[in-house]
PDBML (XML) file of the C-alpha atoms, coordinates in Angstrom:
<?xml version="1.0" encoding="UTF-8" ?>
<PDBx:datablock datablockName="MODEL"
   xmlns:PDBx="http://pdbml.pdb.org/schema/pdbx-v50.xsd"
   xmlns:xsi="http://www.w3.org/2001/XMLSchema-instance"
   xsi:schemaLocation="http://pdbml.pdb.org/schema/pdbx-v50.xsd pdbx-v50.xsd">
   <PDBx:atom_siteCategory>
      <PDBx:atom_site id="1">
         <PDBx:B_iso_or_equiv>0.00</PDBx:B_iso_or_equiv>
         <PDBx:Cartn_x>-19.800</PDBx:Cartn_x>
         <PDBx:Cartn_y>-172.080</PDBx:Cartn_y>
         <PDBx:Cartn_z>-95.542</PDBx:Cartn_z>
         <PDBx:auth_asym_id>A</PDBx:auth_asym_id>
         <PDBx:auth_atom_id>CA</PDBx:auth_atom_id>
         <PDBx:auth_comp_id>GLN</PDBx:auth_comp_id>
         <PDBx:auth_seq_id>1</PDBx:auth_seq_id>
         <PDBx:group_PDB>ATOM</PDBx:group_PDB>
         <PDBx:label_alt_id xsi:nil="true" />
         <PDBx:label_asym_id>A</PDBx:label_asym_id>
         <PDBx:label_atom_id>CA</PDBx:label_atom_id>
         <PDBx:label_comp_id>GLN</PDBx:label_comp_id>
         <PDBx:label_entity_id>1</PDBx:label_entity_id>
         <PDBx:label_seq_id>1</PDBx:label_seq_id>
         <PDBx:occupancy>1.00</PDBx:occupancy>
         <PDBx:pdbx_PDB_model_num>1</PDBx:pdbx_PDB_model_num>
         <PDBx:type_symbol>C</PDBx:type_symbol>
      </PDBx:atom_site>
      <PDBx:atom_site id="2">
         <PDBx:B_iso_or_equiv>0.00</PDBx:B_iso_or_equiv>
         <PDBx:Cartn_x>-20.095</PDBx:Cartn_x>
         <PDBx:Cartn_y>-173.898</PDBx:Cartn_y>
         <PDBx:Cartn_z>-92.223</PDBx:Cartn_z>
         <PDBx:auth_asym_id>A</PDBx:auth_asym_id>
         <PDBx:auth_atom_id>CA</PDBx:auth_atom_id>
         <PDBx:auth_comp_id>LEU</PDBx:auth_comp_id>
         <PDBx:auth_seq_id>2</PDBx:auth_seq_id>
         <PDBx:group_PDB>ATOM</PDBx:group_PDB>
         <PDBx:label_alt_id xsi:nil="true" />
         <PDBx:label_asym_id>A</PDBx:label_asym_id>
         <PDBx:label_atom_id>CA</PDBx:label_atom_id>
         <PDBx:label_comp_id>LEU</PDBx:label_comp_id>
         <PDBx:label_entity_id>1</PDBx:label_entity_id>
         <PDBx:label_seq_id>2</PDBx:label_seq_id>
         <PDBx:occupancy>1.00</PDBx:occupancy>
         <PDBx:pdbx_PDB_model_num>1</PDBx:pdbx_PDB_model_num>
         <PDBx:type_symbol>C</PDBx:type_symbol>
      </PDBx:atom_site>
      <PDBx:atom_site id="3">
         <PDBx:B_iso_or_equiv>0.00</PDBx:B_iso_or_equiv>
         <PDBx:Cartn_x>-23.554</PDBx:Cartn_x>
         <PDBx:Cartn_y>-175.096</PDBx:Cartn_y>
         <PDBx:Cartn_z>-91.296</PDBx:Cartn_z>
         <PDBx:auth_asym_id>A</PDBx:auth_asym_id>
         <PDBx:auth_atom_id>CA</PDBx:auth_atom_id>
         <PDBx:auth_comp_id>VAL</PDBx:auth_comp_id>
         <PDBx:auth_seq_id>3</PDBx:auth_seq_id>
         <PDBx:group_PDB>ATOM</PDBx:group_PDB>
         <PDBx:label_alt_id xsi:nil="true" />
         <PDBx:label_asym_id>A</PDBx:label_asym_id>
         <PDBx:label_atom_id>CA</PDBx:label_atom_id>
         <PDBx:label_comp_id>VAL</PDBx:label_comp_id>
         <PDBx:label_entity_id>1</PDBx:label_entity_id>
         <PDBx:label_seq_id>3</PDBx:label_seq_id>
         <PDBx:occupancy>1.00</PDBx:occupancy>
         <PDBx:pdbx_PDB_model_num>1</PDBx:pdbx_PDB_model_num>
         <PDBx:type_symbol>C</PDBx:type_symbol>
      </PDBx:atom_site>
      <PDBx:atom_site id="4">
         <PDBx:B_iso_or_equiv>0.00</PDBx:B_iso_or_equiv>
         <PDBx:Cartn_x>-24.341</PDBx:Cartn_x>
         <PDBx:Cartn_y>-176.377</PDBx:Cartn_y>
         <PDBx:Cartn_z>-87.800</PDBx:Cartn_z>
         <PDBx:auth_asym_id>A</PDBx:auth_asym_id>
         <PDBx:auth_atom_id>CA</PDBx:auth_atom_id>
         <PDBx:auth_comp_id>GLU</PDBx:auth_comp_id>
         <PDBx:auth_seq_id>4</PDBx:auth_seq_id>
         <PDBx:group_PDB>ATOM</PDBx:group_PDB>
         <PDBx:label_alt_id xsi:nil="true" />
         <PDBx:label_asym_id>A</PDBx:label_asym_id>
         <PDBx:label_atom_id>CA</PDBx:label_atom_id>
         <PDBx:label_comp_id>GLU</PDBx:label_comp_id>
         <PDBx:label_entity_id>1</PDBx:label_entity_id>
         <PDBx:label_seq_id>4</PDBx:label_seq_id>
         <PDBx:occupancy>1.00</PDBx:occupancy>
         <PDBx:pdbx_PDB_model_num>1</PDBx:pdbx_PDB_model_num>
         <PDBx:type_symbol>C</PDBx:type_symbol>
      </PDBx:atom_site>
      <PDBx:atom_site id="5">
         <PDBx:B_iso_or_equiv>0.00</PDBx:B_iso_or_equiv>
         <PDBx:Cartn_x>-27.244</PDBx:Cartn_x>
         <PDBx:Cartn_y>-178.611</PDBx:Cartn_y>
         <PDBx:Cartn_z>-86.886</PDBx:Cartn_z>
         <PDBx:auth_asym_id>A</PDBx:auth_asym_id>
         <PDBx:auth_atom_id>CA</PDBx:auth_atom_id>
         <PDBx:auth_comp_id>SER</PDBx:auth_comp_id>
         <PDBx:auth_seq_id>5</PDBx:auth_seq_id>
         <PDBx:group_PDB>ATOM</PDBx:group_PDB>
         <PDBx:label_alt_id xsi:nil="true" />
         <PDBx:label_asym_id>A</PDBx:label_asym_id>
         <PDBx:label_atom_id>CA</PDBx:label_atom_id>
         <PDBx:label_comp_id>SER</PDBx:label_comp_id>
         <PDBx:label_entity_id>1</PDBx:label_entity_id>
         <PDBx:label_seq_id>5</PDBx:label_seq_id>
         <PDBx:occupancy>1.00</PDBx:occupancy>
         <PDBx:pdbx_PDB_model_num>1</PDBx:pdbx_PDB_model_num>
         <PDBx:type_symbol>C</PDBx:type_symbol>
      </PDBx:atom_site>
      <PDBx:atom_site id="6">
         <PDBx:B_iso_or_equiv>0.00</PDBx:B_iso_or_equiv>
         <PDBx:Cartn_x>-28.476</PDBx:Cartn_x>
         <PDBx:Cartn_y>-180.659</PDBx:Cartn_y>
         <PDBx:Cartn_z>-83.972</PDBx:Cartn_z>
         <PDBx:auth_asym_id>A</PDBx:auth_asym_id>
         <PDBx:auth_atom_id>CA</PDBx:auth_atom_id>
         <PDBx:auth_comp_id>GLY</PDBx:auth_comp_id>
         <PDBx:auth_seq_id>6</PDBx:auth_seq_id>
         <PDBx:group_PDB>ATOM</PDBx:group_PDB>
         <PDBx:label_alt_id xsi:nil="true" />
         <PDBx:label_asym_id>A</PDBx:label_asym_id>
         <PDBx:label_atom_id>CA</PDBx:label_atom_id>
         <PDBx:label_comp_id>GLY</PDBx:label_comp_id>
         <PDBx:label_entity_id>1</PDBx:label_entity_id>
         <PDBx:label_seq_id>6</PDBx:label_seq_id>
         <PDBx:occupancy>1.00</PDBx:occupancy>
         <PDBx:pdbx_PDB_model_num>1</PDBx:pdbx_PDB_model_num>
         <PDBx:type_symbol>C</PDBx:type_symbol>
      </PDBx:atom_site>
      <PDBx:atom_site id="7">
         <PDBx:B_iso_or_equiv>0.00</PDBx:B_iso_or_equiv>
         <PDBx:Cartn_x>-29.337</PDBx:Cartn_x>
         <PDBx:Cartn_y>-177.988</PDBx:Cartn_y>
         <PDBx:Cartn_z>-81.429</PDBx:Cartn_z>
         <PDBx:auth_asym_id>A</PDBx:auth_asym_id>
         <PDBx:auth_atom_id>CA</PDBx:auth_atom_id>
         <PDBx:auth_comp_id>GLY</PDBx:auth_comp_id>
         <PDBx:auth_seq_id>7</PDBx:auth_seq_id>
         <PDBx:group_PDB>ATOM</PDBx:group_PDB>
         <PDBx:label_alt_id xsi:nil="true" />
         <PDBx:label_asym_id>A</PDBx:label_asym_id>
         <PDBx:label_atom_id>CA</PDBx:label_atom_id>
         <PDBx:label_comp_id>GLY</PDBx:label_comp_id>
         <PDBx:label_entity_id>1</PDBx:label_entity_id>
         <PDBx:label_seq_id>7</PDBx:label_seq_id>
         <PDBx:occupancy>1.00</PDBx:occupancy>
         <PDBx:pdbx_PDB_model_num>1</PDBx:pdbx_PDB_model_num>
         <PDBx:type_symbol>C</PDBx:type_symbol>
      </PDBx:atom_site>
      <PDBx:atom_site id="8">
         <PDBx:B_iso_or_equiv>0.00</PDBx:B_iso_or_equiv>
         <PDBx:Cartn_x>-32.506</PDBx:Cartn_x>
         <PDBx:Cartn_y>-178.615</PDBx:Cartn_y>
         <PDBx:Cartn_z>-79.453</PDBx:Cartn_z>
         <PDBx:auth_asym_id>A</PDBx:auth_asym_id>
         <PDBx:auth_atom_id>CA</PDBx:auth_atom_id>
         <PDBx:auth_comp_id>ASN</PDBx:auth_comp_id>
         <PDBx:auth_seq_id>8</PDBx:auth_seq_id>
         <PDBx:group_PDB>ATOM</PDBx:group_PDB>
         <PDBx:label_alt_id xsi:nil="true" />
         <PDBx:label_asym_id>A</PDBx:label_asym_id>
         <PDBx:label_atom_id>CA</PDBx:label_atom_id>
         <PDBx:label_comp_id>ASN</PDBx:label_comp_id>
         <PDBx:label_entity_id>1</PDBx:label_entity_id>
         <PDBx:label_seq_id>8</PDBx:label_seq_id>
         <PDBx:occupancy>1.00</PDBx:occupancy>
         <PDBx:pdbx_PDB_model_num>1</PDBx:pdbx_PDB_model_num>
         <PDBx:type_symbol>C</PDBx:type_symbol>
      </PDBx:atom_site>
      <PDBx:atom_site id="9">
         <PDBx:B_iso_or_equiv>0.00</PDBx:B_iso_or_equiv>
         <PDBx:Cartn_x>-34.312</PDBx:Cartn_x>
         <PDBx:Cartn_y>-178.339</PDBx:Cartn_y>
         <PDBx:Cartn_z>-76.171</PDBx:Cartn_z>
         <PDBx:auth_asym_id>A</PDBx:auth_asym_id>
         <PDBx:auth_atom_id>CA</PDBx:auth_atom_id>
         <PDBx:auth_comp_id>LEU</PDBx:auth_comp_id>
         <PDBx:auth_seq_id>9</PDBx:auth_seq_id>
         <PDBx:group_PDB>ATOM</PDBx:group_PDB>
         <PDBx:label_alt_id xsi:nil="true" />
         <PDBx:label_asym_id>A</PDBx:label_asym_id>
         <PDBx:label_atom_id>CA</PDBx:label_atom_id>
         <PDBx:label_comp_id>LEU</PDBx:label_comp_id>
         <PDBx:label_entity_id>1</PDBx:label_entity_id>
         <PDBx:label_seq_id>9</PDBx:label_seq_id>
         <PDBx:occupancy>1.00</PDBx:occupancy>
         <PDBx:pdbx_PDB_model_num>1</PDBx:pdbx_PDB_model_num>
         <PDBx:type_symbol>C</PDBx:type_symbol>
      </PDBx:atom_site>
      <PDBx:atom_site id="10">
         <PDBx:B_iso_or_equiv>0.00</PDBx:B_iso_or_equiv>
         <PDBx:Cartn_x>-33.169</PDBx:Cartn_x>
         <PDBx:Cartn_y>-181.125</PDBx:Cartn_y>
         <PDBx:Cartn_z>-73.838</PDBx:Cartn_z>
         <PDBx:auth_asym_id>A</PDBx:auth_asym_id>
         <PDBx:auth_atom_id>CA</PDBx:auth_atom_id>
         <PDBx:auth_comp_id>VAL</PDBx:auth_comp_id>
         <PDBx:auth_seq_id>10</PDBx:auth_seq_id>
         <PDBx:group_PDB>ATOM</PDBx:group_PDB>
         <PDBx:label_alt_id xsi:nil="true" />
         <PDBx:label_asym_id>A</PDBx:label_asym_id>
         <PDBx:label_atom_id>CA</PDBx:label_atom_id>
         <PDBx:label_comp_id>VAL</PDBx:label_comp_id>
         <PDBx:label_entity_id>1</PDBx:label_entity_id>
         <PDBx:label_seq_id>10</PDBx:label_seq_id>
         <PDBx:occupancy>1.00</PDBx:occupancy>
         <PDBx:pdbx_PDB_model_num>1</PDBx:pdbx_PDB_model_num>
         <PDBx:type_symbol>C</PDBx:type_symbol>
      </PDBx:atom_site>
      <PDBx:atom_site id="11">
         <PDBx:B_iso_or_equiv>0.00</PDBx:B_iso_or_equiv>
         <PDBx:Cartn_x>-33.659</PDBx:Cartn_x>
         <PDBx:Cartn_y>-182.105</PDBx:Cartn_y>
         <PDBx:Cartn_z>-70.197</PDBx:Cartn_z>
         <PDBx:auth_asym_id>A</PDBx:auth_asym_id>
         <PDBx:auth_atom_id>CA</PDBx:auth_atom_id>
         <PDBx:auth_comp_id>GLN</PDBx:auth_comp_id>
         <PDBx:auth_seq_id>11</PDBx:auth_seq_id>
         <PDBx:group_PDB>ATOM</PDBx:group_PDB>
         <PDBx:label_alt_id xsi:nil="true" />
         <PDBx:label_asym_id>A</PDBx:label_asym_id>
         <PDBx:label_atom_id>CA</PDBx:label_atom_id>
         <PDBx:label_comp_id>GLN</PDBx:label_comp_id>
         <PDBx:label_entity_id>1</PDBx:label_entity_id>
         <PDBx:label_seq_id>11</PDBx:label_seq_id>
         <PDBx:occupancy>1.00</PDBx:occupancy>
         <PDBx:pdbx_PDB_model_num>1</PDBx:pdbx_PDB_model_num>
         <PDBx:type_symbol>C</PDBx:type_symbol>
      </PDBx:atom_site>
      <PDBx:atom_site id="12">
         <PDBx:B_iso_or_equiv>0.00</PDBx:B_iso_or_equiv>
         <PDBx:Cartn_x>-30.875</PDBx:Cartn_x>
         <PDBx:Cartn_y>-181.959</PDBx:Cartn_y>
         <PDBx:Cartn_z>-67.632</PDBx:Cartn_z>
         <PDBx:auth_asym_id>A</PDBx:auth_asym_id>
         <PDBx:auth_atom_id>CA</PDBx:auth_atom_id>
         <PDBx:auth_comp_id>VAL</PDBx:auth_comp_id>
         <PDBx:auth_seq_id>12</PDBx:auth_seq_id>
         <PDBx:group_PDB>ATOM</PDBx:group_PDB>
         <PDBx:label_alt_id xsi:nil="true" />
         <PDBx:label_asym_id>A</PDBx:label_asym_id>
         <PDBx:label_atom_id>CA</PDBx:label_atom_id>
         <PDBx:label_comp_id>VAL</PDBx:label_comp_id>
         <PDBx:label_entity_id>1</PDBx:label_entity_id>
         <PDBx:label_seq_id>12</PDBx:label_seq_id>
         <PDBx:occupancy>1.00</PDBx:occupancy>
         <PDBx:pdbx_PDB_model_num>1</PDBx:pdbx_PDB_model_num>
         <PDBx:type_symbol>C</PDBx:type_symbol>
      </PDBx:atom_site>
      <PDBx:atom_site id="13">
         <PDBx:B_iso_or_equiv>0.00</PDBx:B_iso_or_equiv>
         <PDBx:Cartn_x>-28.739</PDBx:Cartn_x>
         <PDBx:Cartn_y>-185.065</PDBx:Cartn_y>
         <PDBx:Cartn_z>-67.968</PDBx:Cartn_z>
         <PDBx:auth_asym_id>A</PDBx:auth_asym_id>
         <PDBx:auth_atom_id>CA</PDBx:auth_atom_id>
         <PDBx:auth_comp_id>GLY</PDBx:auth_comp_id>
         <PDBx:auth_seq_id>13</PDBx:auth_seq_id>
         <PDBx:group_PDB>ATOM</PDBx:group_PDB>
         <PDBx:label_alt_id xsi:nil="true" />
         <PDBx:label_asym_id>A</PDBx:label_asym_id>
         <PDBx:label_atom_id>CA</PDBx:label_atom_id>
         <PDBx:label_comp_id>GLY</PDBx:label_comp_id>
         <PDBx:label_entity_id>1</PDBx:label_entity_id>
         <PDBx:label_seq_id>13</PDBx:label_seq_id>
         <PDBx:occupancy>1.00</PDBx:occupancy>
         <PDBx:pdbx_PDB_model_num>1</PDBx:pdbx_PDB_model_num>
         <PDBx:type_symbol>C</PDBx:type_symbol>
      </PDBx:atom_site>
      <PDBx:atom_site id="14">
         <PDBx:B_iso_or_equiv>0.00</PDBx:B_iso_or_equiv>
         <PDBx:Cartn_x>-29.735</PDBx:Cartn_x>
         <PDBx:Cartn_y>-185.590</PDBx:Cartn_y>
         <PDBx:Cartn_z>-71.566</PDBx:Cartn_z>
         <PDBx:auth_asym_id>A</PDBx:auth_asym_id>
         <PDBx:auth_atom_id>CA</PDBx:auth_atom_id>
         <PDBx:auth_comp_id>GLY</PDBx:auth_comp_id>
         <PDBx:auth_seq_id>14</PDBx:auth_seq_id>
         <PDBx:group_PDB>ATOM</PDBx:group_PDB>
         <PDBx:label_alt_id xsi:nil="true" />
         <PDBx:label_asym_id>A</PDBx:label_asym_id>
         <PDBx:label_atom_id>CA</PDBx:label_atom_id>
         <PDBx:label_comp_id>GLY</PDBx:label_comp_id>
         <PDBx:label_entity_id>1</PDBx:label_entity_id>
         <PDBx:label_seq_id>14</PDBx:label_seq_id>
         <PDBx:occupancy>1.00</PDBx:occupancy>
         <PDBx:pdbx_PDB_model_num>1</PDBx:pdbx_PDB_model_num>
         <PDBx:type_symbol>C</PDBx:type_symbol>
      </PDBx:atom_site>
      <PDBx:atom_site id="15">
         <PDBx:B_iso_or_equiv>0.00</PDBx:B_iso_or_equiv>
         <PDBx:Cartn_x>-27.564</PDBx:Cartn_x>
         <PDBx:Cartn_y>-185.800</PDBx:Cartn_y>
         <PDBx:Cartn_z>-74.658</PDBx:Cartn_z>
         <PDBx:auth_asym_id>A</PDBx:auth_asym_id>
         <PDBx:auth_atom_id>CA</PDBx:auth_atom_id>
         <PDBx:auth_comp_id>SER</PDBx:auth_comp_id>
         <PDBx:auth_seq_id>15</PDBx:auth_seq_id>
         <PDBx:group_PDB>ATOM</PDBx:group_PDB>
         <PDBx:label_alt_id xsi:nil="true" />
         <PDBx:label_asym_id>A</PDBx:label_asym_id>
         <PDBx:label_atom_id>CA</PDBx:label_atom_id>
         <PDBx:label_comp_id>SER</PDBx:label_comp_id>
         <PDBx:label_entity_id>1</PDBx:label_entity_id>
         <PDBx:label_seq_id>15</PDBx:label_seq_id>
         <PDBx:occupancy>1.00</PDBx:occupancy>
         <PDBx:pdbx_PDB_model_num>1</PDBx:pdbx_PDB_model_num>
         <PDBx:type_symbol>C</PDBx:type_symbol>
      </PDBx:atom_site>
      <PDBx:atom_site id="16">
         <PDBx:B_iso_or_equiv>0.00</PDBx:B_iso_or_equiv>
         <PDBx:Cartn_x>-27.266</PDBx:Cartn_x>
         <PDBx:Cartn_y>-184.089</PDBx:Cartn_y>
         <PDBx:Cartn_z>-78.017</PDBx:Cartn_z>
         <PDBx:auth_asym_id>A</PDBx:auth_asym_id>
         <PDBx:auth_atom_id>CA</PDBx:auth_atom_id>
         <PDBx:auth_comp_id>LEU</PDBx:auth_comp_id>
         <PDBx:auth_seq_id>16</PDBx:auth_seq_id>
         <PDBx:group_PDB>ATOM</PDBx:group_PDB>
         <PDBx:label_alt_id xsi:nil="true" />
         <PDBx:label_asym_id>A</PDBx:label_asym_id>
         <PDBx:label_atom_id>CA</PDBx:label_atom_id>
         <PDBx:label_comp_id>LEU</PDBx:label_comp_id>
         <PDBx:label_entity_id>1</PDBx:label_entity_id>
         <PDBx:label_seq_id>16</PDBx:label_seq_id>
         <PDBx:occupancy>1.00</PDBx:occupancy>
         <PDBx:pdbx_PDB_model_num>1</PDBx:pdbx_PDB_model_num>
         <PDBx:type_symbol>C</PDBx:type_symbol>
      </PDBx:atom_site>
      <PDBx:atom_site id="17">
         <PDBx:B_iso_or_equiv>0.00</PDBx:B_iso_or_equiv>
         <PDBx:Cartn_x>-24.924</PDBx:Cartn_x>
         <PDBx:Cartn_y>-184.404</PDBx:Cartn_y>
         <PDBx:Cartn_z>-80.947</PDBx:Cartn_z>
         <PDBx:auth_asym_id>A</PDBx:auth_asym_id>
         <PDBx:auth_atom_id>CA</PDBx:auth_atom_id>
         <PDBx:auth_comp_id>ARG</PDBx:auth_comp_id>
         <PDBx:auth_seq_id>17</PDBx:auth_seq_id>
         <PDBx:group_PDB>ATOM</PDBx:group_PDB>
         <PDBx:label_alt_id xsi:nil="true" />
         <PDBx:label_asym_id>A</PDBx:label_asym_id>
         <PDBx:label_atom_id>CA</PDBx:label_atom_id>
         <PDBx:label_comp_id>ARG</PDBx:label_comp_id>
         <PDBx:label_entity_id>1</PDBx:label_entity_id>
         <PDBx:label_seq_id>17</PDBx:label_seq_id>
         <PDBx:occupancy>1.00</PDBx:occupancy>
         <PDBx:pdbx_PDB_model_num>1</PDBx:pdbx_PDB_model_num>
         <PDBx:type_symbol>C</PDBx:type_symbol>
      </PDBx:atom_site>
      <PDBx:atom_site id="18">
         <PDBx:B_iso_or_equiv>0.00</PDBx:B_iso_or_equiv>
         <PDBx:Cartn_x>-24.098</PDBx:Cartn_x>
         <PDBx:Cartn_y>-181.299</PDBx:Cartn_y>
         <PDBx:Cartn_z>-82.933</PDBx:Cartn_z>
         <PDBx:auth_asym_id>A</PDBx:auth_asym_id>
         <PDBx:auth_atom_id>CA</PDBx:auth_atom_id>
         <PDBx:auth_comp_id>LEU</PDBx:auth_comp_id>
         <PDBx:auth_seq_id>18</PDBx:auth_seq_id>
         <PDBx:group_PDB>ATOM</PDBx:group_PDB>
         <PDBx:label_alt_id xsi:nil="true" />
         <PDBx:label_asym_id>A</PDBx:label_asym_id>
         <PDBx:label_atom_id>CA</PDBx:label_atom_id>
         <PDBx:label_comp_id>LEU</PDBx:label_comp_id>
         <PDBx:label_entity_id>1</PDBx:label_entity_id>
         <PDBx:label_seq_id>18</PDBx:label_seq_id>
         <PDBx:occupancy>1.00</PDBx:occupancy>
         <PDBx:pdbx_PDB_model_num>1</PDBx:pdbx_PDB_model_num>
         <PDBx:type_symbol>C</PDBx:type_symbol>
      </PDBx:atom_site>
      <PDBx:atom_site id="19">
         <PDBx:B_iso_or_equiv>0.00</PDBx:B_iso_or_equiv>
         <PDBx:Cartn_x>-22.812</PDBx:Cartn_x>
         <PDBx:Cartn_y>-181.500</PDBx:Cartn_y>
         <PDBx:Cartn_z>-86.486</PDBx:Cartn_z>
         <PDBx:auth_asym_id>A</PDBx:auth_asym_id>
         <PDBx:auth_atom_id>CA</PDBx:auth_atom_id>
         <PDBx:auth_comp_id>SER</PDBx:auth_comp_id>
         <PDBx:auth_seq_id>19</PDBx:auth_seq_id>
         <PDBx:group_PDB>ATOM</PDBx:group_PDB>
         <PDBx:label_alt_id xsi:nil="true" />
         <PDBx:label_asym_id>A</PDBx:label_asym_id>
         <PDBx:label_atom_id>CA</PDBx:label_atom_id>
         <PDBx:label_comp_id>SER</PDBx:label_comp_id>
         <PDBx:label_entity_id>1</PDBx:label_entity_id>
         <PDBx:label_seq_id>19</PDBx:label_seq_id>
         <PDBx:occupancy>1.00</PDBx:occupancy>
         <PDBx:pdbx_PDB_model_num>1</PDBx:pdbx_PDB_model_num>
         <PDBx:type_symbol>C</PDBx:type_symbol>
      </PDBx:atom_site>
      <PDBx:atom_site id="20">
         <PDBx:B_iso_or_equiv>0.00</PDBx:B_iso_or_equiv>
         <PDBx:Cartn_x>-21.022</PDBx:Cartn_x>
         <PDBx:Cartn_y>-178.938</PDBx:Cartn_y>
         <PDBx:Cartn_z>-88.602</PDBx:Cartn_z>
         <PDBx:auth_asym_id>A</PDBx:auth_asym_id>
         <PDBx:auth_atom_id>CA</PDBx:auth_atom_id>
         <PDBx:auth_comp_id>CYS</PDBx:auth_comp_id>
         <PDBx:auth_seq_id>20</PDBx:auth_seq_id>
         <PDBx:group_PDB>ATOM</PDBx:group_PDB>
         <PDBx:label_alt_id xsi:nil="true" />
         <PDBx:label_asym_id>A</PDBx:label_asym_id>
         <PDBx:label_atom_id>CA</PDBx:label_atom_id>
         <PDBx:label_comp_id>CYS</PDBx:label_comp_id>
         <PDBx:label_entity_id>1</PDBx:label_entity_id>
         <PDBx:label_seq_id>20</PDBx:label_seq_id>
         <PDBx:occupancy>1.00</PDBx:occupancy>
         <PDBx:pdbx_PDB_model_num>1</PDBx:pdbx_PDB_model_num>
         <PDBx:type_symbol>C</PDBx:type_symbol>
      </PDBx:atom_site>
      <PDBx:atom_site id="21">
         <PDBx:B_iso_or_equiv>0.00</PDBx:B_iso_or_equiv>
         <PDBx:Cartn_x>-20.530</PDBx:Cartn_x>
         <PDBx:Cartn_y>-179.440</PDBx:Cartn_y>
         <PDBx:Cartn_z>-92.308</PDBx:Cartn_z>
         <PDBx:auth_asym_id>A</PDBx:auth_asym_id>
         <PDBx:auth_atom_id>CA</PDBx:auth_atom_id>
         <PDBx:auth_comp_id>VAL</PDBx:auth_comp_id>
         <PDBx:auth_seq_id>21</PDBx:auth_seq_id>
         <PDBx:group_PDB>ATOM</PDBx:group_PDB>
         <PDBx:label_alt_id xsi:nil="true" />
         <PDBx:label_asym_id>A</PDBx:label_asym_id>
         <PDBx:label_atom_id>CA</PDBx:label_atom_id>
         <PDBx:label_comp_id>VAL</PDBx:label_comp_id>
         <PDBx:label_entity_id>1</PDBx:label_entity_id>
         <PDBx:label_seq_id>21</PDBx:label_seq_id>
         <PDBx:occupancy>1.00</PDBx:occupancy>
         <PDBx:pdbx_PDB_model_num>1</PDBx:pdbx_PDB_model_num>
         <PDBx:type_symbol>C</PDBx:type_symbol>
      </PDBx:atom_site>
      <PDBx:atom_site id="22">
         <PDBx:B_iso_or_equiv>0.00</PDBx:B_iso_or_equiv>
         <PDBx:Cartn_x>-18.179</PDBx:Cartn_x>
         <PDBx:Cartn_y>-177.356</PDBx:Cartn_y>
         <PDBx:Cartn_z>-94.411</PDBx:Cartn_z>
         <PDBx:auth_asym_id>A</PDBx:auth_asym_id>
         <PDBx:auth_atom_id>CA</PDBx:auth_atom_id>
         <PDBx:auth_comp_id>ALA</PDBx:auth_comp_id>
         <PDBx:auth_seq_id>22</PDBx:auth_seq_id>
         <PDBx:group_PDB>ATOM</PDBx:group_PDB>
         <PDBx:label_alt_id xsi:nil="true" />
         <PDBx:label_asym_id>A</PDBx:label_asym_id>
         <PDBx:label_atom_id>CA</PDBx:label_atom_id>
         <PDBx:label_comp_id>ALA</PDBx:label_comp_id>
         <PDBx:label_entity_id>1</PDBx:label_entity_id>
         <PDBx:label_seq_id>22</PDBx:label_seq_id>
         <PDBx:occupancy>1.00</PDBx:occupancy>
         <PDBx:pdbx_PDB_model_num>1</PDBx:pdbx_PDB_model_num>
         <PDBx:type_symbol>C</PDBx:type_symbol>
      </PDBx:atom_site>
      <PDBx:atom_site id="23">
         <PDBx:B_iso_or_equiv>0.00</PDBx:B_iso_or_equiv>
         <PDBx:Cartn_x>-19.463</PDBx:Cartn_x>
         <PDBx:Cartn_y>-176.861</PDBx:Cartn_y>
         <PDBx:Cartn_z>-97.949</PDBx:Cartn_z>
         <PDBx:auth_asym_id>A</PDBx:auth_asym_id>
         <PDBx:auth_atom_id>CA</PDBx:auth_atom_id>
         <PDBx:auth_comp_id>SER</PDBx:auth_comp_id>
         <PDBx:auth_seq_id>23</PDBx:auth_seq_id>
         <PDBx:group_PDB>ATOM</PDBx:group_PDB>
         <PDBx:label_alt_id xsi:nil="true" />
         <PDBx:label_asym_id>A</PDBx:label_asym_id>
         <PDBx:label_atom_id>CA</PDBx:label_atom_id>
         <PDBx:label_comp_id>SER</PDBx:label_comp_id>
         <PDBx:label_entity_id>1</PDBx:label_entity_id>
         <PDBx:label_seq_id>23</PDBx:label_seq_id>
         <PDBx:occupancy>1.00</PDBx:occupancy>
         <PDBx:pdbx_PDB_model_num>1</PDBx:pdbx_PDB_model_num>
         <PDBx:type_symbol>C</PDBx:type_symbol>
      </PDBx:atom_site>
      <PDBx:atom_site id="24">
         <PDBx:B_iso_or_equiv>0.00</PDBx:B_iso_or_equiv>
         <PDBx:Cartn_x>-18.251</PDBx:Cartn_x>
         <PDBx:Cartn_y>-175.171</PDBx:Cartn_y>
         <PDBx:Cartn_z>-101.084</PDBx:Cartn_z>
         <PDBx:auth_asym_id>A</PDBx:auth_asym_id>
         <PDBx:auth_atom_id>CA</PDBx:auth_atom_id>
         <PDBx:auth_comp_id>GLY</PDBx:auth_comp_id>
         <PDBx:auth_seq_id>24</PDBx:auth_seq_id>
         <PDBx:group_PDB>ATOM</PDBx:group_PDB>
         <PDBx:label_alt_id xsi:nil="true" />
         <PDBx:label_asym_id>A</PDBx:label_asym_id>
         <PDBx:label_atom_id>CA</PDBx:label_atom_id>
         <PDBx:label_comp_id>GLY</PDBx:label_comp_id>
         <PDBx:label_entity_id>1</PDBx:label_entity_id>
         <PDBx:label_seq_id>24</PDBx:label_seq_id>
         <PDBx:occupancy>1.00</PDBx:occupancy>
         <PDBx:pdbx_PDB_model_num>1</PDBx:pdbx_PDB_model_num>
         <PDBx:type_symbol>C</PDBx:type_symbol>
      </PDBx:atom_site>
   </PDBx:atom_siteCategory>
</PDBx:datablock>
């Protein structure tokens, strides 16, 4: 499985970091 995380509501010009972990 691949599980993503890190999505959110953010203001214009802001930053986010998404992660995806492969498990199994």
